PDB file of all heavy atoms in Angstrom:
ATOM      1  N   ARG A   1      33.949  57.091 119.645  1.00  0.00           N
ATOM      2  CA  ARG A   1      35.054  56.581 120.356  1.00  0.00           C
ATOM      3  C   ARG A   1      35.652  57.614 121.313  1.00  0.00           C
ATOM      4  O   ARG A   1      36.062  57.327 122.543  1.00  0.00           O
ATOM      5  CB  ARG A   1      36.184  56.189 119.335  1.00  0.00           C
ATOM      6  CG  ARG A   1      35.872  54.920 118.603  1.00  0.00           C
ATOM      7  CD  ARG A   1      36.873  54.637 117.478  1.00  0.00           C
ATOM      8  NE  ARG A   1      36.609  53.439 116.792  1.00  0.00           N
ATOM      9  CZ  ARG A   1      37.433  52.403 116.843  1.00  0.00           C
ATOM     10  NH1 ARG A   1      38.538  52.440 117.568  1.00  0.00           N
ATOM     11  NH2 ARG A   1      37.117  51.239 116.197  1.00  0.00           N
ATOM     12  N   ASP A   2      35.792  58.866 120.892  1.00  0.00           N
ATOM     13  CA  ASP A   2      36.372  59.912 121.780  1.00  0.00           C
ATOM     14  C   ASP A   2      35.495  60.109 122.975  1.00  0.00           C
ATOM     15  O   ASP A   2      36.023  60.294 124.109  1.00  0.00           O
ATOM     16  CB  ASP A   2      36.507  61.231 120.960  1.00  0.00           C
ATOM     17  CG  ASP A   2      37.623  61.099 119.893  1.00  0.00           C
ATOM     18  OD1 ASP A   2      38.442  60.157 119.917  1.00  0.00           O
ATOM     19  OD2 ASP A   2      37.648  61.953 119.002  1.00  0.00           O
ATOM     20  N   ALA A   3      34.189  60.187 122.774  1.00  0.00           N
ATOM     21  CA  ALA A   3      33.295  60.365 123.958  1.00  0.00           C
ATOM     22  C   ALA A   3      33.318  59.167 124.890  1.00  0.00           C
ATOM     23  O   ALA A   3      33.298  59.393 126.113  1.00  0.00           O
ATOM     24  CB  ALA A   3      31.873  60.579 123.452  1.00  0.00           C
ATOM     25  N   LEU A   4      33.419  57.973 124.325  1.00  0.00           N
ATOM     26  CA  LEU A   4      33.532  56.769 125.152  1.00  0.00           C
ATOM     27  C   LEU A   4      34.868  56.811 125.890  1.00  0.00           C
ATOM     28  O   LEU A   4      34.894  56.449 127.178  1.00  0.00           O
ATOM     29  CB  LEU A   4      33.474  55.543 124.351  1.00  0.00           C
ATOM     30  CG  LEU A   4      33.600  54.171 125.109  1.00  0.00           C
ATOM     31  CD1 LEU A   4      32.392  54.019 126.032  1.00  0.00           C
ATOM     32  CD2 LEU A   4      33.626  53.006 124.124  1.00  0.00           C
ATOM     33  N   ARG A   5      35.947  57.270 125.388  1.00  0.00           N
ATOM     34  CA  ARG A   5      37.177  57.277 126.063  1.00  0.00           C
ATOM     35  C   ARG A   5      37.116  58.312 127.202  1.00  0.00           C
ATOM     36  O   ARG A   5      37.617  58.021 128.350  1.00  0.00           O
ATOM     37  CB  ARG A   5      38.300  57.712 125.044  1.00  0.00           C
ATOM     38  CG  ARG A   5      39.695  57.711 125.659  1.00  0.00           C
ATOM     39  CD  ARG A   5      40.104  56.353 126.193  1.00  0.00           C
ATOM     40  NE  ARG A   5      41.465  56.411 126.776  1.00  0.00           N
ATOM     41  CZ  ARG A   5      42.069  55.347 127.301  1.00  0.00           C
ATOM     42  NH1 ARG A   5      41.385  54.174 127.440  1.00  0.00           N
ATOM     43  NH2 ARG A   5      43.275  55.443 127.845  1.00  0.00           N
ATOM     44  N   ALA A   6      36.533  59.473 126.956  1.00  0.00           N
ATOM     45  CA  ALA A   6      36.393  60.440 128.044  1.00  0.00           C
ATOM     46  C   ALA A   6      35.551  59.864 129.174  1.00  0.00           C
ATOM     47  O   ALA A   6      35.849  60.102 130.350  1.00  0.00           O
ATOM     48  CB  ALA A   6      35.844  61.711 127.471  1.00  0.00           C
ATOM     49  N   TRP A   7      34.473  59.197 128.793  1.00  0.00           N
ATOM     50  CA  TRP A   7      33.528  58.641 129.812  1.00  0.00           C
ATOM     51  C   TRP A   7      34.372  57.560 130.592  1.00  0.00           C
ATOM     52  O   TRP A   7      34.338  57.518 131.877  1.00  0.00           O
ATOM     53  CB  TRP A   7      32.411  57.912 129.035  1.00  0.00           C
ATOM     54  CG  TRP A   7      31.337  57.281 129.960  1.00  0.00           C
ATOM     55  CD1 TRP A   7      30.175  57.872 130.371  1.00  0.00           C
ATOM     56  CD2 TRP A   7      31.427  56.009 130.544  1.00  0.00           C
ATOM     57  NE1 TRP A   7      29.489  56.967 131.162  1.00  0.00           N
ATOM     58  CE2 TRP A   7      30.240  55.818 131.299  1.00  0.00           C
ATOM     59  CE3 TRP A   7      32.328  54.958 130.499  1.00  0.00           C
ATOM     60  CZ2 TRP A   7      29.962  54.628 131.973  1.00  0.00           C
ATOM     61  CZ3 TRP A   7      32.033  53.774 131.187  1.00  0.00           C
ATOM     62  CH2 TRP A   7      30.898  53.662 131.908  1.00  0.00           C
ATOM     63  N   ALA A   8      35.088  56.696 129.976  1.00  0.00           N
ATOM     64  CA  ALA A   8      35.874  55.624 130.654  1.00  0.00           C
ATOM     65  C   ALA A   8      36.909  56.190 131.519  1.00  0.00           C
ATOM     66  O   ALA A   8      37.118  55.641 132.657  1.00  0.00           O
ATOM     67  CB  ALA A   8      36.465  54.660 129.605  1.00  0.00           C
ATOM     68  N   LEU A   9      37.620  57.223 131.117  1.00  0.00           N
ATOM     69  CA  LEU A   9      38.615  57.818 132.000  1.00  0.00           C
ATOM     70  C   LEU A   9      37.978  58.449 133.265  1.00  0.00           C
ATOM     71  O   LEU A   9      38.531  58.297 134.361  1.00  0.00           O
ATOM     72  CB  LEU A   9      39.345  58.946 131.262  1.00  0.00           C
ATOM     73  CG  LEU A   9      40.337  58.385 130.116  1.00  0.00           C
ATOM     74  CD1 LEU A   9      40.843  59.574 129.300  1.00  0.00           C
ATOM     75  CD2 LEU A   9      41.498  57.651 130.784  1.00  0.00           C
ATOM     76  N   ALA A  10      36.783  59.012 133.108  1.00  0.00           N
ATOM     77  CA  ALA A  10      36.129  59.544 134.300  1.00  0.00           C
ATOM     78  C   ALA A  10      35.642  58.418 135.203  1.00  0.00           C
ATOM     79  O   ALA A  10      35.777  58.477 136.429  1.00  0.00           O
ATOM     80  CB  ALA A  10      34.984  60.414 133.861  1.00  0.00           C
ATOM     81  N   TRP A  11      35.061  57.356 134.584  1.00  0.00           N
ATOM     82  CA  TRP A  11      34.679  56.189 135.395  1.00  0.00           C
ATOM     83  C   TRP A  11      35.825  55.563 136.140  1.00  0.00           C
ATOM     84  O   TRP A  11      35.640  55.214 137.314  1.00  0.00           O
ATOM     85  CB  TRP A  11      34.055  55.194 134.413  1.00  0.00           C
ATOM     86  CG  TRP A  11      33.808  53.757 134.989  1.00  0.00           C
ATOM     87  CD1 TRP A  11      32.747  53.376 135.675  1.00  0.00           C
ATOM     88  CD2 TRP A  11      34.742  52.681 134.938  1.00  0.00           C
ATOM     89  NE1 TRP A  11      32.937  52.059 136.118  1.00  0.00           N
ATOM     90  CE2 TRP A  11      34.125  51.621 135.586  1.00  0.00           C
ATOM     91  CE3 TRP A  11      35.989  52.545 134.338  1.00  0.00           C
ATOM     92  CZ2 TRP A  11      34.759  50.398 135.751  1.00  0.00           C
ATOM     93  CZ3 TRP A  11      36.649  51.330 134.489  1.00  0.00           C
ATOM     94  CH2 TRP A  11      36.029  50.272 135.156  1.00  0.00           C
ATOM     95  N   ASP A  12      36.922  55.476 135.508  1.00  0.00           N
ATOM     96  CA  ASP A  12      38.089  54.784 136.002  1.00  0.00           C
ATOM     97  C   ASP A  12      38.762  55.536 137.168  1.00  0.00           C
ATOM     98  O   ASP A  12      39.298  54.975 138.131  1.00  0.00           O
ATOM     99  CB  ASP A  12      39.131  54.595 134.893  1.00  0.00           C
ATOM    100  CG  ASP A  12      40.373  53.884 135.378  1.00  0.00           C
ATOM    101  OD1 ASP A  12      40.318  52.695 135.838  1.00  0.00           O
ATOM    102  OD2 ASP A  12      41.488  54.446 135.350  1.00  0.00           O
ATOM    103  N   ASP A  13      38.741  56.891 137.134  1.00  0.00           N
ATOM    104  CA  ASP A  13      39.257  57.751 138.218  1.00  0.00           C
ATOM    105  C   ASP A  13      40.743  57.452 138.463  1.00  0.00           C
ATOM    106  O   ASP A  13      41.127  57.432 139.646  1.00  0.00           O
ATOM    107  CB  ASP A  13      38.394  57.575 139.494  1.00  0.00           C
ATOM    108  CG  ASP A  13      38.669  58.665 140.491  1.00  0.00           C
ATOM    109  OD1 ASP A  13      39.127  59.764 140.033  1.00  0.00           O
ATOM    110  OD2 ASP A  13      38.506  58.436 141.680  1.00  0.00           O
ATOM    111  N   GLY A  14      41.496  57.207 137.390  1.00  0.00           N
ATOM    112  CA  GLY A  14      42.932  57.022 137.600  1.00  0.00           C
ATOM    113  C   GLY A  14      43.482  55.687 138.034  1.00  0.00           C
ATOM    114  O   GLY A  14      44.627  55.516 138.238  1.00  0.00           O
ATOM    115  N   ASP A  15      42.567  54.680 137.953  1.00  0.00           N
ATOM    116  CA  ASP A  15      42.987  53.325 138.387  1.00  0.00           C
ATOM    117  C   ASP A  15      43.749  52.578 137.259  1.00  0.00           C
ATOM    118  O   ASP A  15      44.244  51.476 137.507  1.00  0.00           O
ATOM    119  CB  ASP A  15      41.798  52.494 138.846  1.00  0.00           C
ATOM    120  CG  ASP A  15      41.291  52.962 140.184  1.00  0.00           C
ATOM    121  OD1 ASP A  15      41.997  53.587 140.911  1.00  0.00           O
ATOM    122  OD2 ASP A  15      40.163  52.588 140.520  1.00  0.00           O
ATOM    123  N   GLY A  16      43.764  53.073 136.044  1.00  0.00           N
ATOM    124  CA  GLY A  16      44.453  52.401 134.960  1.00  0.00           C
ATOM    125  C   GLY A  16      43.640  51.386 134.211  1.00  0.00           C
ATOM    126  O   GLY A  16      44.280  50.614 133.493  1.00  0.00           O
ATOM    127  N   ASN A  17      42.276  51.372 134.322  1.00  0.00           N
ATOM    128  CA  ASN A  17      41.473  50.322 133.726  1.00  0.00           C
ATOM    129  C   ASN A  17      40.563  50.913 132.722  1.00  0.00           C
ATOM    130  O   ASN A  17      39.516  50.209 132.392  1.00  0.00           O
ATOM    131  CB  ASN A  17      40.777  49.495 134.791  1.00  0.00           C
ATOM    132  CG  ASN A  17      41.791  48.819 135.752  1.00  0.00           C
ATOM    133  OD1 ASN A  17      42.755  48.204 135.236  1.00  0.00           O
ATOM    134  ND2 ASN A  17      41.503  48.873 136.989  1.00  0.00           N
ATOM    135  N   ALA A  18      40.688  52.050 132.214  1.00  0.00           N
ATOM    136  CA  ALA A  18      39.826  52.727 131.293  1.00  0.00           C
ATOM    137  C   ALA A  18      39.645  51.921 130.037  1.00  0.00           C
ATOM    138  O   ALA A  18      38.578  51.991 129.354  1.00  0.00           O
ATOM    139  CB  ALA A  18      40.221  54.104 130.989  1.00  0.00           C
ATOM    140  N   ASP A  19      40.661  51.135 129.645  1.00  0.00           N
ATOM    141  CA  ASP A  19      40.600  50.355 128.424  1.00  0.00           C
ATOM    142  C   ASP A  19      39.591  49.264 128.446  1.00  0.00           C
ATOM    143  O   ASP A  19      39.268  48.525 127.469  1.00  0.00           O
ATOM    144  CB  ASP A  19      41.997  49.769 128.031  1.00  0.00           C
ATOM    145  CG  ASP A  19      42.949  50.858 127.576  1.00  0.00           C
ATOM    146  OD1 ASP A  19      42.473  51.933 127.164  1.00  0.00           O
ATOM    147  OD2 ASP A  19      44.163  50.594 127.654  1.00  0.00           O
ATOM    148  N   LEU A  20      39.030  49.002 129.671  1.00  0.00           N
ATOM    149  CA  LEU A  20      37.931  47.995 129.774  1.00  0.00           C
ATOM    150  C   LEU A  20      36.794  48.247 128.794  1.00  0.00           C
ATOM    151  O   LEU A  20      36.216  47.313 128.235  1.00  0.00           O
ATOM    152  CB  LEU A  20      37.439  48.027 131.210  1.00  0.00           C
ATOM    153  CG  LEU A  20      36.337  46.984 131.529  1.00  0.00           C
ATOM    154  CD1 LEU A  20      36.756  45.577 131.413  1.00  0.00           C
ATOM    155  CD2 LEU A  20      35.831  47.242 133.004  1.00  0.00           C
ATOM    156  N   PHE A  21      36.451  49.511 128.654  1.00  0.00           N
ATOM    157  CA  PHE A  21      35.342  49.871 127.741  1.00  0.00           C
ATOM    158  C   PHE A  21      35.805  50.194 126.401  1.00  0.00           C
ATOM    159  O   PHE A  21      36.461  51.234 126.083  1.00  0.00           O
ATOM    160  CB  PHE A  21      34.648  51.080 128.343  1.00  0.00           C
ATOM    161  CG  PHE A  21      33.922  50.794 129.594  1.00  0.00           C
ATOM    162  CD1 PHE A  21      34.603  50.934 130.873  1.00  0.00           C
ATOM    163  CD2 PHE A  21      32.608  50.346 129.631  1.00  0.00           C
ATOM    164  CE1 PHE A  21      33.889  50.562 132.060  1.00  0.00           C
ATOM    165  CE2 PHE A  21      31.918  49.989 130.765  1.00  0.00           C
ATOM    166  CZ  PHE A  21      32.610  50.096 132.005  1.00  0.00           C
ATOM    167  N   ARG A  22      35.603  49.214 125.478  1.00  0.00           N
ATOM    168  CA  ARG A  22      36.156  49.302 124.078  1.00  0.00           C
ATOM    169  C   ARG A  22      35.084  49.831 123.085  1.00  0.00           C
ATOM    170  O   ARG A  22      33.880  49.683 123.374  1.00  0.00           O
ATOM    171  CB  ARG A  22      36.607  47.900 123.694  1.00  0.00           C
ATOM    172  CG  ARG A  22      37.765  47.415 124.514  1.00  0.00           C
ATOM    173  CD  ARG A  22      38.280  46.154 124.017  1.00  0.00           C
ATOM    174  NE  ARG A  22      39.532  45.732 124.736  1.00  0.00           N
ATOM    175  CZ  ARG A  22      40.236  44.643 124.504  1.00  0.00           C
ATOM    176  NH1 ARG A  22      39.846  43.784 123.587  1.00  0.00           N
ATOM    177  NH2 ARG A  22      41.352  44.389 125.179  1.00  0.00           N
ATOM    178  N   PRO A  23      35.533  50.361 122.028  1.00  0.00           N
ATOM    179  CA  PRO A  23      34.620  50.899 120.995  1.00  0.00           C
ATOM    180  C   PRO A  23      33.549  49.956 120.490  1.00  0.00           C
ATOM    181  O   PRO A  23      32.568  50.357 120.065  1.00  0.00           O
ATOM    182  CB  PRO A  23      35.561  51.400 119.894  1.00  0.00           C
ATOM    183  CG  PRO A  23      36.824  51.722 120.581  1.00  0.00           C
ATOM    184  CD  PRO A  23      36.936  50.642 121.679  1.00  0.00           C
ATOM    185  N   GLU A  24      33.858  48.637 120.535  1.00  0.00           N
ATOM    186  CA  GLU A  24      32.918  47.660 120.068  1.00  0.00           C
ATOM    187  C   GLU A  24      31.582  47.747 120.718  1.00  0.00           C
ATOM    188  O   GLU A  24      30.582  47.323 120.222  1.00  0.00           O
ATOM    189  CB  GLU A  24      33.530  46.260 120.169  1.00  0.00           C
ATOM    190  CG  GLU A  24      34.648  45.925 119.215  1.00  0.00           C
ATOM    191  CD  GLU A  24      36.027  46.413 119.611  1.00  0.00           C
ATOM    192  OE1 GLU A  24      36.080  47.193 120.612  1.00  0.00           O
ATOM    193  OE2 GLU A  24      36.999  46.188 118.884  1.00  0.00           O
ATOM    194  N   LEU A  25      31.579  48.210 121.969  1.00  0.00           N
ATOM    195  CA  LEU A  25      30.338  48.348 122.741  1.00  0.00           C
ATOM    196  C   LEU A  25      29.369  49.299 122.086  1.00  0.00           C
ATOM    197  O   LEU A  25      28.148  49.158 122.184  1.00  0.00           O
ATOM    198  CB  LEU A  25      30.631  48.838 124.141  1.00  0.00           C
ATOM    199  CG  LEU A  25      31.215  47.812 125.201  1.00  0.00           C
ATOM    200  CD1 LEU A  25      31.570  48.590 126.457  1.00  0.00           C
ATOM    201  CD2 LEU A  25      30.195  46.748 125.459  1.00  0.00           C
ATOM    202  N   LEU A  26      29.949  50.273 121.288  1.00  0.00           N
ATOM    203  CA  LEU A  26      29.046  51.261 120.668  1.00  0.00           C
ATOM    204  C   LEU A  26      28.227  50.650 119.566  1.00  0.00           C
ATOM    205  O   LEU A  26      27.203  51.240 119.143  1.00  0.00           O
ATOM    206  CB  LEU A  26      29.902  52.357 120.107  1.00  0.00           C
ATOM    207  CG  LEU A  26      30.727  53.167 121.110  1.00  0.00           C
ATOM    208  CD1 LEU A  26      31.684  54.213 120.450  1.00  0.00           C
ATOM    209  CD2 LEU A  26      29.872  53.832 122.083  1.00  0.00           C
ATOM    210  N   ASP A  27      28.593  49.453 119.118  1.00  0.00           N
ATOM    211  CA  ASP A  27      27.848  48.717 118.015  1.00  0.00           C
ATOM    212  C   ASP A  27      26.779  47.793 118.581  1.00  0.00           C
ATOM    213  O   ASP A  27      26.060  47.177 117.786  1.00  0.00           O
ATOM    214  CB  ASP A  27      28.857  47.910 117.215  1.00  0.00           C
ATOM    215  CG  ASP A  27      29.888  48.791 116.485  1.00  0.00           C
ATOM    216  OD1 ASP A  27      29.473  49.962 116.111  1.00  0.00           O
ATOM    217  OD2 ASP A  27      31.010  48.354 116.372  1.00  0.00           O
ATOM    218  N   ASP A  28      26.664  47.664 119.882  1.00  0.00           N
ATOM    219  CA  ASP A  28      25.703  46.811 120.499  1.00  0.00           C
ATOM    220  C   ASP A  28      24.356  47.552 120.649  1.00  0.00           C
ATOM    221  O   ASP A  28      24.269  48.486 121.457  1.00  0.00           O
ATOM    222  CB  ASP A  28      26.240  46.293 121.869  1.00  0.00           C
ATOM    223  CG  ASP A  28      25.274  45.309 122.532  1.00  0.00           C
ATOM    224  OD1 ASP A  28      24.157  45.022 121.973  1.00  0.00           O
ATOM    225  OD2 ASP A  28      25.549  44.870 123.651  1.00  0.00           O
ATOM    226  N   PRO A  29      23.355  47.198 119.944  1.00  0.00           N
ATOM    227  CA  PRO A  29      22.057  47.926 120.015  1.00  0.00           C
ATOM    228  C   PRO A  29      21.396  47.891 121.394  1.00  0.00           C
ATOM    229  O   PRO A  29      20.535  48.698 121.649  1.00  0.00           O
ATOM    230  CB  PRO A  29      21.189  47.338 119.004  1.00  0.00           C
ATOM    231  CG  PRO A  29      21.765  45.876 118.772  1.00  0.00           C
ATOM    232  CD  PRO A  29      23.206  46.064 119.050  1.00  0.00           C
ATOM    233  N   ALA A  30      21.706  46.874 122.289  1.00  0.00           N
ATOM    234  CA  ALA A  30      21.123  46.773 123.533  1.00  0.00           C
ATOM    235  C   ALA A  30      21.863  47.564 124.610  1.00  0.00           C
ATOM    236  O   ALA A  30      21.380  47.640 125.794  1.00  0.00           O
ATOM    237  CB  ALA A  30      21.072  45.313 123.981  1.00  0.00           C
ATOM    238  N   THR A  31      22.909  48.138 124.318  1.00  0.00           N
ATOM    239  CA  THR A  31      23.875  48.808 125.255  1.00  0.00           C
ATOM    240  C   THR A  31      23.832  50.308 124.977  1.00  0.00           C
ATOM    241  O   THR A  31      24.112  50.786 123.913  1.00  0.00           O
ATOM    242  CB  THR A  31      25.265  48.267 125.240  1.00  0.00           C
ATOM    243  OG1 THR A  31      25.318  46.942 125.521  1.00  0.00           O
ATOM    244  CG2 THR A  31      26.157  49.030 126.254  1.00  0.00           C
ATOM    245  N   SER A  32      23.551  51.055 126.049  1.00  0.00           N
ATOM    246  CA  SER A  32      23.574  52.511 125.983  1.00  0.00           C
ATOM    247  C   SER A  32      24.504  53.028 127.097  1.00  0.00           C
ATOM    248  O   SER A  32      24.210  52.852 128.269  1.00  0.00           O
ATOM    249  CB  SER A  32      22.235  53.239 126.178  1.00  0.00           C
ATOM    250  OG  SER A  32      21.337  52.777 125.149  1.00  0.00           O
ATOM    251  N   VAL A  33      25.607  53.572 126.702  1.00  0.00           N
ATOM    252  CA  VAL A  33      26.479  54.284 127.710  1.00  0.00           C
ATOM    253  C   VAL A  33      26.026  55.645 127.946  1.00  0.00           C
ATOM    254  O   VAL A  33      25.978  56.492 126.993  1.00  0.00           O
ATOM    255  CB  VAL A  33      27.974  54.301 127.174  1.00  0.00           C
ATOM    256  CG1 VAL A  33      28.882  54.901 128.191  1.00  0.00           C
ATOM    257  CG2 VAL A  33      28.455  52.873 126.942  1.00  0.00           C
ATOM    258  N   LEU A  34      25.530  55.971 129.161  1.00  0.00           N
ATOM    259  CA  LEU A  34      24.941  57.232 129.482  1.00  0.00           C
ATOM    260  C   LEU A  34      25.992  58.208 130.159  1.00  0.00           C
ATOM    261  O   LEU A  34      26.742  57.749 131.020  1.00  0.00           O
ATOM    262  CB  LEU A  34      23.806  57.028 130.480  1.00  0.00           C
ATOM    263  CG  LEU A  34      22.726  55.959 130.030  1.00  0.00           C
ATOM    264  CD1 LEU A  34      21.764  55.768 131.197  1.00  0.00           C
ATOM    265  CD2 LEU A  34      22.014  56.411 128.735  1.00  0.00           C
ATOM    266  N   VAL A  35      25.941  59.424 129.746  1.00  0.00           N
ATOM    267  CA  VAL A  35      26.931  60.359 130.271  1.00  0.00           C
ATOM    268  C   VAL A  35      26.151  61.610 130.745  1.00  0.00           C
ATOM    269  O   VAL A  35      25.250  62.130 130.058  1.00  0.00           O
ATOM    270  CB  VAL A  35      27.989  60.775 129.228  1.00  0.00           C
ATOM    271  CG1 VAL A  35      27.368  61.368 127.934  1.00  0.00           C
ATOM    272  CG2 VAL A  35      28.945  61.692 129.797  1.00  0.00           C
ATOM    273  N   GLY A  36      26.479  62.130 131.926  1.00  0.00           N
ATOM    274  CA  GLY A  36      26.045  63.360 132.404  1.00  0.00           C
ATOM    275  C   GLY A  36      27.150  64.369 132.411  1.00  0.00           C
ATOM    276  O   GLY A  36      28.302  64.084 132.837  1.00  0.00           O
ATOM    277  N   ARG A  37      26.860  65.545 131.832  1.00  0.00           N
ATOM    278  CA  ARG A  37      27.993  66.556 131.663  1.00  0.00           C
ATOM    279  C   ARG A  37      27.660  67.777 132.452  1.00  0.00           C
ATOM    280  O   ARG A  37      26.536  68.202 132.637  1.00  0.00           O
ATOM    281  CB  ARG A  37      28.102  66.906 130.167  1.00  0.00           C
ATOM    282  CG  ARG A  37      28.464  65.748 129.295  1.00  0.00           C
ATOM    283  CD  ARG A  37      28.704  66.241 127.850  1.00  0.00           C
ATOM    284  NE  ARG A  37      28.953  65.147 126.976  1.00  0.00           N
ATOM    285  CZ  ARG A  37      30.129  64.530 126.847  1.00  0.00           C
ATOM    286  NH1 ARG A  37      31.202  64.858 127.544  1.00  0.00           N
ATOM    287  NH2 ARG A  37      30.305  63.437 125.992  1.00  0.00           N
ATOM    288  N   SER A  38      28.779  68.381 132.997  1.00  0.00           N
ATOM    289  CA  SER A  38      28.684  69.620 133.730  1.00  0.00           C
ATOM    290  C   SER A  38      28.453  70.766 132.693  1.00  0.00           C
ATOM    291  O   SER A  38      28.512  70.555 131.538  1.00  0.00           O
ATOM    292  CB  SER A  38      29.963  69.809 134.554  1.00  0.00           C
ATOM    293  OG  SER A  38      31.065  69.801 133.640  1.00  0.00           O
ATOM    294  N   ALA A  39      28.322  71.963 133.181  1.00  0.00           N
ATOM    295  CA  ALA A  39      28.039  73.064 132.410  1.00  0.00           C
ATOM    296  C   ALA A  39      29.174  73.391 131.437  1.00  0.00           C
ATOM    297  O   ALA A  39      29.038  73.974 130.255  1.00  0.00           O
ATOM    298  CB  ALA A  39      27.782  74.343 133.236  1.00  0.00           C
TER     299      ALA A  39
END
């Protein structure tokens, strides 16, 4: 959940819609949320 929240906040870029991506997505075996991290 914490990693998804951080991802969603970066995706949202301050528009106020980060809650679109809910933790239930993590339980979907067909869905992979991919994250690229800086150093």
